[in-house]
C-alpha atoms as a PDB file:
ATOM      1  CA  MET A   1       3.837   1.484 -17.693  1.00  0.00           C
ATOM      2  CA  SER A   2       1.279   4.292 -18.020  1.00  0.00           C
ATOM      3  CA  LYS A   3       0.519   6.140 -14.422  1.00  0.00           C
ATOM      4  CA  LYS A   4      -2.804   6.100 -15.622  1.00  0.00           C
ATOM      5  CA  PHE A   5      -2.704   1.612 -14.988  1.00  0.00           C
ATOM      6  CA  LEU A   6      -0.832   2.283 -11.859  1.00  0.00           C
ATOM      7  CA  GLN A   7      -3.688   4.322 -10.516  1.00  0.00           C
ATOM      8  CA  ASP A   8      -6.337   2.273 -11.066  1.00  0.00           C
ATOM      9  CA  TRP A   9      -4.516  -0.662  -9.063  1.00  0.00           C
ATOM     10  CA  GLN A  10      -4.091   1.443  -5.964  1.00  0.00           C
ATOM     11  CA  ASN A  11      -6.291   1.445  -3.767  1.00  0.00           C
ATOM     12  CA  LYS A  12      -7.440   4.843  -1.799  1.00  0.00           C
ATOM     13  CA  LEU A  13      -5.102   4.608   1.682  1.00  0.00           C
ATOM     14  CA  GLU A  14      -2.030   3.613  -1.142  1.00  0.00           C
ATOM     15  CA  LYS A  15      -2.645   6.850  -3.197  1.00  0.00           C
ATOM     16  CA  LYS A  16      -3.067   8.754  -0.032  1.00  0.00           C
ATOM     17  CA  PHE A  17       0.059   7.857   1.204  1.00  0.00           C
ATOM     18  CA  GLU A  18       1.413   8.213  -2.005  1.00  0.00           C
ATOM     19  CA  LYS A  19       0.904  11.600  -1.931  1.00  0.00           C
ATOM     20  CA  ILE A  20       2.117  11.939   1.489  1.00  0.00           C
ATOM     21  CA  LEU A  21       5.377  10.393  -0.066  1.00  0.00           C
ATOM     22  CA  ASP A  22       5.901  12.770  -2.980  1.00  0.00           C
ATOM     23  CA  ALA A  23       5.231  15.649  -0.155  1.00  0.00           C
ATOM     24  CA  ASN A  24       8.114  14.537   2.149  1.00  0.00           C
ATOM     25  CA  PHE A  25      10.110  12.400  -0.102  1.00  0.00           C
ATOM     26  CA  PRO A  26       9.698  14.063  -3.348  1.00  0.00           C
ATOM     27  CA  GLY A  27      11.294  11.445  -6.085  1.00  0.00           C
ATOM     28  CA  LYS A  28      12.759   8.871  -2.967  1.00  0.00           C
ATOM     29  CA  PHE A  29       9.843   6.202  -3.566  1.00  0.00           C
ATOM     30  CA  GLU A  30       8.118   4.300  -6.371  1.00  0.00           C
ATOM     31  CA  TYR A  31       4.476   2.365  -6.384  1.00  0.00           C
ATOM     32  CA  ILE A  32       5.099  -1.122  -7.122  1.00  0.00           C
ATOM     33  CA  GLY A  33       1.952  -2.776  -6.339  1.00  0.00           C
ATOM     34  CA  ASN A  34       1.276  -3.758  -9.345  1.00  0.00           C
ATOM     35  CA  LYS A  35       3.139  -7.314  -8.984  1.00  0.00           C
ATOM     36  CA  ASN A  36       6.002  -5.951 -11.431  1.00  0.00           C
ATOM     37  CA  PHE A  37       8.659  -6.658  -8.443  1.00  0.00           C
ATOM     38  CA  ALA A  38       8.295  -9.478  -5.640  1.00  0.00           C
ATOM     39  CA  ILE A  39      10.972 -10.783  -2.849  1.00  0.00           C
ATOM     40  CA  GLY A  40       9.999 -14.334  -2.818  1.00  0.00           C
ATOM     41  CA  LYS A  41       6.091 -14.422  -2.820  1.00  0.00           C
ATOM     42  CA  TYR A  42       5.644 -10.973  -1.602  1.00  0.00           C
ATOM     43  CA  CYS A  43       5.118  -7.934  -3.668  1.00  0.00           C
ATOM     44  CA  PRO A  44       6.081  -4.693  -1.556  1.00  0.00           C
ATOM     45  CA  ASP A  45       3.549  -1.308  -2.485  1.00  0.00           C
ATOM     46  CA  PHE A  46       6.594   0.877  -2.798  1.00  0.00           C
ATOM     47  CA  ILE A  47       9.939   0.699  -3.279  1.00  0.00           C
ATOM     48  CA  SER A  48      13.031   3.258  -2.918  1.00  0.00           C
ATOM     49  CA  SER A  49      13.942   4.588  -6.062  1.00  0.00           C
ATOM     50  CA  ASP A  50      16.960   5.667  -5.002  1.00  0.00           C
ATOM     51  CA  GLY A  51      19.206   2.625  -4.703  1.00  0.00           C
ATOM     52  CA  LYS A  52      18.820   2.154  -0.431  1.00  0.00           C
ATOM     53  CA  ASN A  53      17.161  -0.808  -0.903  1.00  0.00           C
ATOM     54  CA  LYS A  54      13.801   0.395   1.589  1.00  0.00           C
ATOM     55  CA  ILE A  55      10.455  -0.845   0.982  1.00  0.00           C
ATOM     56  CA  ILE A  56       7.144   0.168   2.355  1.00  0.00           C
ATOM     57  CA  GLU A  57       4.026  -2.165   2.222  1.00  0.00           C
ATOM     58  CA  VAL A  58       1.237  -0.667   3.118  1.00  0.00           C
ATOM     59  CA  LEU A  59      -1.851  -2.445   5.378  1.00  0.00           C
ATOM     60  CA  GLY A  60      -4.935  -1.729   5.279  1.00  0.00           C
ATOM     61  CA  CYS A  61      -7.877  -2.789   7.447  1.00  0.00           C
ATOM     62  CA  TYR A  62      -9.945  -4.519   4.693  1.00  0.00           C
ATOM     63  CA  TRP A  63      -7.205  -7.131   3.905  1.00  0.00           C
ATOM     64  CA  HIS A  64      -5.005  -7.294   7.271  1.00  0.00           C
ATOM     65  CA  SER A  65      -7.832  -7.526   9.577  1.00  0.00           C
ATOM     66  CA  CYS A  66      -7.869  -3.866  11.643  1.00  0.00           C
ATOM     67  CA  SER A  67      -7.510  -4.448  15.093  1.00  0.00           C
ATOM     68  CA  ILE A  68      -8.472  -0.925  15.836  1.00  0.00           C
ATOM     69  CA  CYS A  69     -11.315  -0.782  14.107  1.00  0.00           C
ATOM     70  CA  GLY A  70     -12.235  -4.343  13.927  1.00  0.00           C
ATOM     71  CA  PHE A  71     -12.781  -4.617  10.266  1.00  0.00           C
ATOM     72  CA  GLY A  72     -12.687  -7.836   8.640  1.00  0.00           C
ATOM     73  CA  THR A  73     -12.395  -9.789  12.201  1.00  0.00           C
ATOM     74  CA  LYS A  74     -15.691 -11.436  14.177  1.00  0.00           C
ATOM     75  CA  ALA A  75     -15.602  -8.473  16.849  1.00  0.00           C
ATOM     76  CA  GLY A  76     -15.857  -6.175  13.995  1.00  0.00           C
ATOM     77  CA  GLN A  77     -18.881  -8.244  12.425  1.00  0.00           C
ATOM     78  CA  ASN A  78     -20.363  -8.005  15.918  1.00  0.00           C
ATOM     79  CA  LYS A  79     -20.346  -4.031  15.538  1.00  0.00           C
ATOM     80  CA  GLU A  80     -21.950  -3.767  11.938  1.00  0.00           C
ATOM     81  CA  SER A  81     -25.088  -6.275  13.414  1.00  0.00           C
END
C-alpha cells in the first residue's frame, strides 16, 4: 500500500503523532489505522514493527468526546452556543 494512501487516511492528530513516533522511535511503529489489521472488532492506529506486540490507539476529540475541551459532549455544545 502506498504511503500517499496511508497519509490520506490519517487524521491530523495521527499524522502529528506519527512524526513524534518517528523522531523518538525510528522504525519501531507502523501506521495501520487503515483497517488492514484488527484485534477482534478493533483496529489500532499504530502497531510495533519490531515484534514486541505493542499497539497505540490515538483518541482524538472528534470521535471520542473530549473531557478536557468538551468537544462532542453536551458541555462542548453549550460552549459553542
